[in-house]
Amino acid sequence: MQGKLIICTHRRFGPQRPSCAARGSETLAEQLEQALAERGIELELERVECLGECESGPNMRLAPGGTFFRGVDETRLNEVLEAGG
């Protein structure tokens, strides 16, 4: 069974309402798609509206039953890819 990397791309508007998309998750999703293809990692990338952790985003989760990554930025993409590959 192929694994899945779930990434929150929810955007909440307003400075008092943090969100994963406002912190760059959409760009991270594009970078991850490219890196998965380049490395030949068979991991489906699924964008979702919310993982329930807006205060600590961008958030990602490996499924099924995998690691939950909070506060992901470009410097942590290799960590996510290694966990999924």
PDB file of N, CA and C in Angstrom:
ATOM      1  N   MET A   1       0.839  -1.189   0.000  1.00  0.00           N
ATOM      2  CA  MET A   1       0.000   0.000   0.000  1.00  0.00           C
ATOM      3  C   MET A   1       0.883   1.251   0.000  1.00  0.00           C
ATOM      4  N   GLN A   2       0.571   2.145  -0.903  1.00  0.00           N
ATOM      5  CA  GLN A   2       1.327   3.391  -1.013  1.00  0.00           C
ATOM      6  C   GLN A   2       0.958   4.320   0.128  1.00  0.00           C
ATOM      7  N   GLY A   3       1.975   4.985   0.681  1.00  0.00           N
ATOM      8  CA  GLY A   3       1.724   5.932   1.739  1.00  0.00           C
ATOM      9  C   GLY A   3       1.250   7.262   1.203  1.00  0.00           C
ATOM     10  N   LYS A   4       0.902   8.119   2.114  1.00  0.00           N
ATOM     11  CA  LYS A   4       0.369   9.411   1.751  1.00  0.00           C
ATOM     12  C   LYS A   4       0.947  10.469   2.685  1.00  0.00           C
ATOM     13  N   LEU A   5       1.258  11.606   2.129  1.00  0.00           N
ATOM     14  CA  LEU A   5       1.662  12.759   2.914  1.00  0.00           C
ATOM     15  C   LEU A   5       0.546  13.779   2.807  1.00  0.00           C
ATOM     16  N   ILE A   6      -0.053  14.081   3.931  1.00  0.00           N
ATOM     17  CA  ILE A   6      -1.170  15.019   3.983  1.00  0.00           C
ATOM     18  C   ILE A   6      -0.620  16.362   4.431  1.00  0.00           C
ATOM     19  N   ILE A   7      -0.949  17.414   3.673  1.00  0.00           N
ATOM     20  CA  ILE A   7      -0.476  18.750   4.010  1.00  0.00           C
ATOM     21  C   ILE A   7      -1.666  19.704   4.065  1.00  0.00           C
ATOM     22  N   CYS A   8      -1.708  20.479   5.111  1.00  0.00           N
ATOM     23  CA  CYS A   8      -2.777  21.459   5.268  1.00  0.00           C
ATOM     24  C   CYS A   8      -2.473  22.683   4.413  1.00  0.00           C
ATOM     25  N   THR A   9      -3.463  23.097   3.610  1.00  0.00           N
ATOM     26  CA  THR A   9      -3.322  24.305   2.801  1.00  0.00           C
ATOM     27  C   THR A   9      -4.454  25.286   3.106  1.00  0.00           C
ATOM     28  N   HIS A  10      -4.977  25.191   4.307  1.00  0.00           N
ATOM     29  CA  HIS A  10      -6.082  26.065   4.721  1.00  0.00           C
ATOM     30  C   HIS A  10      -5.579  27.490   4.945  1.00  0.00           C
ATOM     31  N   ARG A  11      -6.364  28.453   4.471  1.00  0.00           N
ATOM     32  CA  ARG A  11      -6.011  29.861   4.667  1.00  0.00           C
ATOM     33  C   ARG A  11      -7.124  30.549   5.456  1.00  0.00           C
ATOM     34  N   ARG A  12      -6.743  31.073   6.603  1.00  0.00           N
ATOM     35  CA  ARG A  12      -7.651  31.895   7.404  1.00  0.00           C
ATOM     36  C   ARG A  12      -7.153  33.322   7.293  1.00  0.00           C
ATOM     37  N   PHE A  13      -8.050  34.236   7.121  1.00  0.00           N
ATOM     38  CA  PHE A  13      -7.659  35.629   6.906  1.00  0.00           C
ATOM     39  C   PHE A  13      -7.701  36.422   8.201  1.00  0.00           C
ATOM     40  N   GLY A  14      -6.784  37.352   8.328  1.00  0.00           N
ATOM     41  CA  GLY A  14      -6.701  38.206   9.498  1.00  0.00           C
ATOM     42  C   GLY A  14      -5.467  37.890  10.318  1.00  0.00           C
ATOM     43  N   PRO A  15      -4.801  38.912  10.837  1.00  0.00           N
ATOM     44  CA  PRO A  15      -3.552  38.707  11.585  1.00  0.00           C
ATOM     45  C   PRO A  15      -3.721  37.911  12.875  1.00  0.00           C
ATOM     46  N   GLN A  16      -4.911  37.869  13.434  1.00  0.00           N
ATOM     47  CA  GLN A  16      -5.133  37.103  14.667  1.00  0.00           C
ATOM     48  C   GLN A  16      -5.551  35.668  14.370  1.00  0.00           C
ATOM     49  N   ARG A  17      -5.570  35.283  13.100  1.00  0.00           N
ATOM     50  CA  ARG A  17      -6.025  33.954  12.719  1.00  0.00           C
ATOM     51  C   ARG A  17      -4.944  33.247  11.913  1.00  0.00           C
ATOM     52  N   PRO A  18      -3.976  32.644  12.569  1.00  0.00           N
ATOM     53  CA  PRO A  18      -2.894  31.967  11.849  1.00  0.00           C
ATOM     54  C   PRO A  18      -3.421  30.791  11.025  1.00  0.00           C
ATOM     55  N   SER A  19      -2.715  30.502   9.959  1.00  0.00           N
ATOM     56  CA  SER A  19      -3.090  29.352   9.135  1.00  0.00           C
ATOM     57  C   SER A  19      -1.858  28.809   8.435  1.00  0.00           C
ATOM     58  N   CYS A  20      -1.972  27.564   8.017  1.00  0.00           N
ATOM     59  CA  CYS A  20      -0.850  26.910   7.336  1.00  0.00           C
ATOM     60  C   CYS A  20      -0.529  27.595   6.007  1.00  0.00           C
ATOM     61  N   ALA A  21      -1.555  27.925   5.231  1.00  0.00           N
ATOM     62  CA  ALA A  21      -1.316  28.555   3.933  1.00  0.00           C
ATOM     63  C   ALA A  21      -0.663  29.923   4.093  1.00  0.00           C
ATOM     64  N   ALA A  22      -1.096  30.675   5.075  1.00  0.00           N
ATOM     65  CA  ALA A  22      -0.502  31.996   5.304  1.00  0.00           C
ATOM     66  C   ALA A  22       0.971  31.880   5.682  1.00  0.00           C
ATOM     67  N   ARG A  23       1.360  30.724   6.182  1.00  0.00           N
ATOM     68  CA  ARG A  23       2.757  30.490   6.568  1.00  0.00           C
ATOM     69  C   ARG A  23       3.538  29.723   5.502  1.00  0.00           C
ATOM     70  N   GLY A  24       2.954  29.565   4.314  1.00  0.00           N
ATOM     71  CA  GLY A  24       3.712  29.014   3.201  1.00  0.00           C
ATOM     72  C   GLY A  24       3.468  27.573   2.813  1.00  0.00           C
ATOM     73  N   SER A  25       2.400  26.962   3.304  1.00  0.00           N
ATOM     74  CA  SER A  25       2.205  25.540   3.009  1.00  0.00           C
ATOM     75  C   SER A  25       1.934  25.254   1.534  1.00  0.00           C
ATOM     76  N   GLU A  26       1.329  26.187   0.820  1.00  0.00           N
ATOM     77  CA  GLU A  26       1.072  25.954  -0.599  1.00  0.00           C
ATOM     78  C   GLU A  26       2.387  25.840  -1.374  1.00  0.00           C
ATOM     79  N   THR A  27       3.325  26.719  -1.070  1.00  0.00           N
ATOM     80  CA  THR A  27       4.650  26.658  -1.705  1.00  0.00           C
ATOM     81  C   THR A  27       5.373  25.388  -1.293  1.00  0.00           C
ATOM     82  N   LEU A  28       5.273  25.007  -0.024  1.00  0.00           N
ATOM     83  CA  LEU A  28       5.904  23.776   0.444  1.00  0.00           C
ATOM     84  C   LEU A  28       5.327  22.557  -0.286  1.00  0.00           C
ATOM     85  N   ALA A  29       4.026  22.556  -0.528  1.00  0.00           N
ATOM     86  CA  ALA A  29       3.394  21.440  -1.238  1.00  0.00           C
ATOM     87  C   ALA A  29       3.972  21.320  -2.647  1.00  0.00           C
ATOM     88  N   GLU A  30       4.157  22.430  -3.321  1.00  0.00           N
ATOM     89  CA  GLU A  30       4.739  22.408  -4.669  1.00  0.00           C
ATOM     90  C   GLU A  30       6.175  21.893  -4.627  1.00  0.00           C
ATOM     91  N   GLN A  31       6.946  22.333  -3.649  1.00  0.00           N
ATOM     92  CA  GLN A  31       8.329  21.879  -3.514  1.00  0.00           C
ATOM     93  C   GLN A  31       8.373  20.380  -3.210  1.00  0.00           C
ATOM     94  N   LEU A  32       7.472  19.914  -2.374  1.00  0.00           N
ATOM     95  CA  LEU A  32       7.419  18.492  -2.041  1.00  0.00           C
ATOM     96  C   LEU A  32       7.042  17.645  -3.252  1.00  0.00           C
ATOM     97  N   GLU A  33       6.073  18.100  -4.041  1.00  0.00           N
ATOM     98  CA  GLU A  33       5.702  17.359  -5.235  1.00  0.00           C
ATOM     99  C   GLU A  33       6.894  17.197  -6.169  1.00  0.00           C
ATOM    100  N   GLN A  34       7.639  18.263  -6.350  1.00  0.00           N
ATOM    101  CA  GLN A  34       8.813  18.213  -7.219  1.00  0.00           C
ATOM    102  C   GLN A  34       9.869  17.272  -6.648  1.00  0.00           C
ATOM    103  N   ALA A  35      10.129  17.381  -5.348  1.00  0.00           N
ATOM    104  CA  ALA A  35      11.148  16.534  -4.716  1.00  0.00           C
ATOM    105  C   ALA A  35      10.745  15.063  -4.742  1.00  0.00           C
ATOM    106  N   LEU A  36       9.475  14.755  -4.530  1.00  0.00           N
ATOM    107  CA  LEU A  36       9.007  13.367  -4.588  1.00  0.00           C
ATOM    108  C   LEU A  36       9.251  12.783  -5.974  1.00  0.00           C
ATOM    109  N   ALA A  37       8.939  13.555  -7.001  1.00  0.00           N
ATOM    110  CA  ALA A  37       9.140  13.091  -8.373  1.00  0.00           C
ATOM    111  C   ALA A  37      10.626  12.908  -8.685  1.00  0.00           C
ATOM    112  N   GLU A  38      11.441  13.875  -8.283  1.00  0.00           N
ATOM    113  CA  GLU A  38      12.880  13.809  -8.559  1.00  0.00           C
ATOM    114  C   GLU A  38      13.540  12.625  -7.865  1.00  0.00           C
ATOM    115  N   ARG A  39      13.104  12.327  -6.655  1.00  0.00           N
ATOM    116  CA  ARG A  39      13.715  11.249  -5.871  1.00  0.00           C
ATOM    117  C   ARG A  39      13.061   9.893  -6.093  1.00  0.00           C
ATOM    118  N   GLY A  40      11.972   9.881  -6.836  1.00  0.00           N
ATOM    119  CA  GLY A  40      11.277   8.622  -7.098  1.00  0.00           C
ATOM    120  C   GLY A  40      10.626   8.028  -5.863  1.00  0.00           C
ATOM    121  N   ILE A  41      10.221   8.870  -4.940  1.00  0.00           N
ATOM    122  CA  ILE A  41       9.557   8.399  -3.720  1.00  0.00           C
ATOM    123  C   ILE A  41       8.076   8.212  -4.020  1.00  0.00           C
ATOM    124  N   GLU A  42       7.588   7.001  -3.808  1.00  0.00           N
ATOM    125  CA  GLU A  42       6.187   6.706  -4.074  1.00  0.00           C
ATOM    126  C   GLU A  42       5.345   7.074  -2.866  1.00  0.00           C
ATOM    127  N   LEU A  43       5.027   8.341  -2.815  1.00  0.00           N
ATOM    128  CA  LEU A  43       4.249   8.890  -1.712  1.00  0.00           C
ATOM    129  C   LEU A  43       3.273   9.879  -2.316  1.00  0.00           C
ATOM    130  N   GLU A  44       1.996   9.639  -2.119  1.00  0.00           N
ATOM    131  CA  GLU A  44       0.973  10.536  -2.633  1.00  0.00           C
ATOM    132  C   GLU A  44       0.924  11.790  -1.760  1.00  0.00           C
ATOM    133  N   LEU A  45       0.825  12.948  -2.379  1.00  0.00           N
ATOM    134  CA  LEU A  45       0.699  14.202  -1.641  1.00  0.00           C
ATOM    135  C   LEU A  45      -0.747  14.648  -1.731  1.00  0.00           C
ATOM    136  N   GLU A  46      -1.374  14.813  -0.584  1.00  0.00           N
ATOM    137  CA  GLU A  46      -2.779  15.226  -0.549  1.00  0.00           C
ATOM    138  C   GLU A  46      -2.900  16.546   0.211  1.00  0.00           C
ATOM    139  N   ARG A  47      -3.479  17.536  -0.446  1.00  0.00           N
ATOM    140  CA  ARG A  47      -3.752  18.822   0.201  1.00  0.00           C
ATOM    141  C   ARG A  47      -5.114  18.747   0.879  1.00  0.00           C
ATOM    142  N   VAL A  48      -5.177  19.170   2.136  1.00  0.00           N
ATOM    143  CA  VAL A  48      -6.436  19.164   2.874  1.00  0.00           C
ATOM    144  C   VAL A  48      -6.688  20.546   3.459  1.00  0.00           C
ATOM    145  N   GLU A  49      -7.915  20.771   3.875  1.00  0.00           N
ATOM    146  CA  GLU A  49      -8.300  22.071   4.414  1.00  0.00           C
ATOM    147  C   GLU A  49      -7.844  22.312   5.841  1.00  0.00           C
ATOM    148  N   CYS A  50      -7.713  21.281   6.651  1.00  0.00           N
ATOM    149  CA  CYS A  50      -7.299  21.537   8.025  1.00  0.00           C
ATOM    150  C   CYS A  50      -6.858  20.251   8.713  1.00  0.00           C
ATOM    151  N   LEU A  51      -5.811  20.374   9.517  1.00  0.00           N
ATOM    152  CA  LEU A  51      -5.367  19.264  10.366  1.00  0.00           C
ATOM    153  C   LEU A  51      -5.567  19.605  11.845  1.00  0.00           C
ATOM    154  N   GLY A  52      -6.246  20.715  12.107  1.00  0.00           N
ATOM    155  CA  GLY A  52      -6.618  21.068  13.471  1.00  0.00           C
ATOM    156  C   GLY A  52      -5.512  21.645  14.331  1.00  0.00           C
ATOM    157  N   GLU A  53      -4.435  22.099  13.732  1.00  0.00           N
ATOM    158  CA  GLU A  53      -3.297  22.628  14.493  1.00  0.00           C
ATOM    159  C   GLU A  53      -2.837  23.975  13.936  1.00  0.00           C
ATOM    160  N   CYS A  54      -3.775  24.858  13.652  1.00  0.00           N
ATOM    161  CA  CYS A  54      -3.458  26.121  12.979  1.00  0.00           C
ATOM    162  C   CYS A  54      -2.371  26.930  13.688  1.00  0.00           C
ATOM    163  N   GLU A  55      -2.355  26.873  14.974  1.00  0.00           N
ATOM    164  CA  GLU A  55      -1.396  27.669  15.751  1.00  0.00           C
ATOM    165  C   GLU A  55       0.048  27.239  15.531  1.00  0.00           C
ATOM    166  N   SER A  56       0.258  26.012  15.045  1.00  0.00           N
ATOM    167  CA  SER A  56       1.625  25.511  14.914  1.00  0.00           C
ATOM    168  C   SER A  56       2.004  25.157  13.476  1.00  0.00           C
ATOM    169  N   GLY A  57       1.289  25.668  12.492  1.00  0.00           N
ATOM    170  CA  GLY A  57       1.514  25.313  11.093  1.00  0.00           C
ATOM    171  C   GLY A  57       2.729  25.985  10.479  1.00  0.00           C
ATOM    172  N   PRO A  58       3.041  25.563   9.280  1.00  0.00           N
ATOM    173  CA  PRO A  58       2.410  24.570   8.427  1.00  0.00           C
ATOM    174  C   PRO A  58       2.534  23.151   8.991  1.00  0.00           C
ATOM    175  N   ASN A  59       1.456  22.399   8.808  1.00  0.00           N
ATOM    176  CA  ASN A  59       1.372  21.055   9.359  1.00  0.00           C
ATOM    177  C   ASN A  59       1.249  20.003   8.270  1.00  0.00           C
ATOM    178  N   MET A  60       1.885  18.849   8.525  1.00  0.00           N
ATOM    179  CA  MET A  60       1.844  17.714   7.615  1.00  0.00           C
ATOM    180  C   MET A  60       1.748  16.443   8.435  1.00  0.00           C
ATOM    181  N   ARG A  61       1.199  15.400   7.796  1.00  0.00           N
ATOM    182  CA  ARG A  61       1.091  14.109   8.480  1.00  0.00           C
ATOM    183  C   ARG A  61       1.292  12.985   7.490  1.00  0.00           C
ATOM    184  N   LEU A  62       2.087  12.024   7.867  1.00  0.00           N
ATOM    185  CA  LEU A  62       2.232  10.812   7.069  1.00  0.00           C
ATOM    186  C   LEU A  62       1.103   9.862   7.434  1.00  0.00           C
ATOM    187  N   ALA A  63       0.507   9.251   6.428  1.00  0.00           N
ATOM    188  CA  ALA A  63      -0.599   8.337   6.674  1.00  0.00           C
ATOM    189  C   ALA A  63      -0.345   7.042   5.923  1.00  0.00           C
ATOM    190  N   PRO A  64      -0.843   5.953   6.408  1.00  0.00           N
ATOM    191  CA  PRO A  64      -1.662   5.849   7.604  1.00  0.00           C
ATOM    192  C   PRO A  64      -0.820   5.799   8.881  1.00  0.00           C
ATOM    193  N   GLY A  65      -1.342   6.386   9.922  1.00  0.00           N
ATOM    194  CA  GLY A  65      -0.763   6.314  11.258  1.00  0.00           C
ATOM    195  C   GLY A  65       0.655   6.798  11.418  1.00  0.00           C
ATOM    196  N   GLY A  66       1.063   7.745  10.610  1.00  0.00           N
ATOM    197  CA  GLY A  66       2.450   8.165  10.644  1.00  0.00           C
ATOM    198  C   GLY A  66       2.716   9.409  11.465  1.00  0.00           C
ATOM    199  N   THR A  67       3.894   9.917  11.274  1.00  0.00           N
ATOM    200  CA  THR A  67       4.398  11.064  12.005  1.00  0.00           C
ATOM    201  C   THR A  67       3.619  12.323  11.662  1.00  0.00           C
ATOM    202  N   PHE A  68       3.397  13.170  12.655  1.00  0.00           N
ATOM    203  CA  PHE A  68       2.775  14.481  12.480  1.00  0.00           C
ATOM    204  C   PHE A  68       3.880  15.516  12.565  1.00  0.00           C
ATOM    205  N   PHE A  69       4.004  16.338  11.554  1.00  0.00           N
ATOM    206  CA  PHE A  69       5.028  17.381  11.515  1.00  0.00           C
ATOM    207  C   PHE A  69       4.358  18.737  11.700  1.00  0.00           C
ATOM    208  N   ARG A  70       4.834  19.501  12.656  1.00  0.00           N
ATOM    209  CA  ARG A  70       4.301  20.838  12.925  1.00  0.00           C
ATOM    210  C   ARG A  70       5.375  21.878  12.627  1.00  0.00           C
ATOM    211  N   GLY A  71       4.946  23.040  12.192  1.00  0.00           N
ATOM    212  CA  GLY A  71       5.881  24.133  11.964  1.00  0.00           C
ATOM    213  C   GLY A  71       6.903  23.850  10.884  1.00  0.00           C
ATOM    214  N   VAL A  72       6.481  23.176   9.835  1.00  0.00           N
ATOM    215  CA  VAL A  72       7.407  22.809   8.764  1.00  0.00           C
ATOM    216  C   VAL A  72       7.749  24.027   7.912  1.00  0.00           C
ATOM    217  N   ASP A  73       9.027  24.163   7.614  1.00  0.00           N
ATOM    218  CA  ASP A  73       9.481  25.168   6.662  1.00  0.00           C
ATOM    219  C   ASP A  73      10.450  24.483   5.702  1.00  0.00           C
ATOM    220  N   GLU A  74      11.019  25.245   4.782  1.00  0.00           N
ATOM    221  CA  GLU A  74      11.899  24.658   3.765  1.00  0.00           C
ATOM    222  C   GLU A  74      13.063  23.878   4.366  1.00  0.00           C
ATOM    223  N   THR A  75      13.536  24.296   5.532  1.00  0.00           N
ATOM    224  CA  THR A  75      14.690  23.630   6.137  1.00  0.00           C
ATOM    225  C   THR A  75      14.349  22.220   6.633  1.00  0.00           C
ATOM    226  N   ARG A  76      13.064  21.897   6.762  1.00  0.00           N
ATOM    227  CA  ARG A  76      12.658  20.586   7.274  1.00  0.00           C
ATOM    228  C   ARG A  76      12.119  19.655   6.201  1.00  0.00           C
ATOM    229  N   LEU A  77      12.131  20.073   4.939  1.00  0.00           N
ATOM    230  CA  LEU A  77      11.553  19.231   3.898  1.00  0.00           C
ATOM    231  C   LEU A  77      12.291  17.905   3.763  1.00  0.00           C
ATOM    232  N   ASN A  78      13.608  17.894   3.901  1.00  0.00           N
ATOM    233  CA  ASN A  78      14.350  16.626   3.821  1.00  0.00           C
ATOM    234  C   ASN A  78      13.932  15.684   4.933  1.00  0.00           C
ATOM    235  N   GLU A  79      13.709  16.211   6.114  1.00  0.00           N
ATOM    236  CA  GLU A  79      13.259  15.395   7.249  1.00  0.00           C
ATOM    237  C   GLU A  79      11.926  14.718   6.910  1.00  0.00           C
ATOM    238  N   VAL A  80      11.017  15.470   6.330  1.00  0.00           N
ATOM    239  CA  VAL A  80       9.703  14.921   5.948  1.00  0.00           C
ATOM    240  C   VAL A  80       9.869  13.861   4.872  1.00  0.00           C
ATOM    241  N   LEU A  81      10.675  14.162   3.858  1.00  0.00           N
ATOM    242  CA  LEU A  81      10.881  13.219   2.756  1.00  0.00           C
ATOM    243  C   LEU A  81      11.535  11.928   3.237  1.00  0.00           C
ATOM    244  N   GLU A  82      12.520  12.024   4.121  1.00  0.00           N
ATOM    245  CA  GLU A  82      13.177  10.827   4.638  1.00  0.00           C
ATOM    246  C   GLU A  82      12.221   9.970   5.446  1.00  0.00           C
ATOM    247  N   ALA A  83      11.341  10.600   6.208  1.00  0.00           N
ATOM    248  CA  ALA A  83      10.365   9.847   7.003  1.00  0.00           C
ATOM    249  C   ALA A  83       9.368   9.129   6.101  1.00  0.00           C
ATOM    250  N   GLY A  84       9.072   9.730   4.949  1.00  0.00           N
ATOM    251  CA  GLY A  84       8.089   9.148   4.048  1.00  0.00           C
ATOM    252  C   GLY A  84       8.660   8.194   3.022  1.00  0.00           C
ATOM    253  N   GLY A  85       9.977   8.218   2.852  1.00  0.00           N
ATOM    254  CA  GLY A  85      10.553   7.408   1.788  1.00  0.00           C
ATOM    255  C   GLY A  85      11.280   6.238   2.293  1.00  0.00           C
TER     256      GLY A  85
END
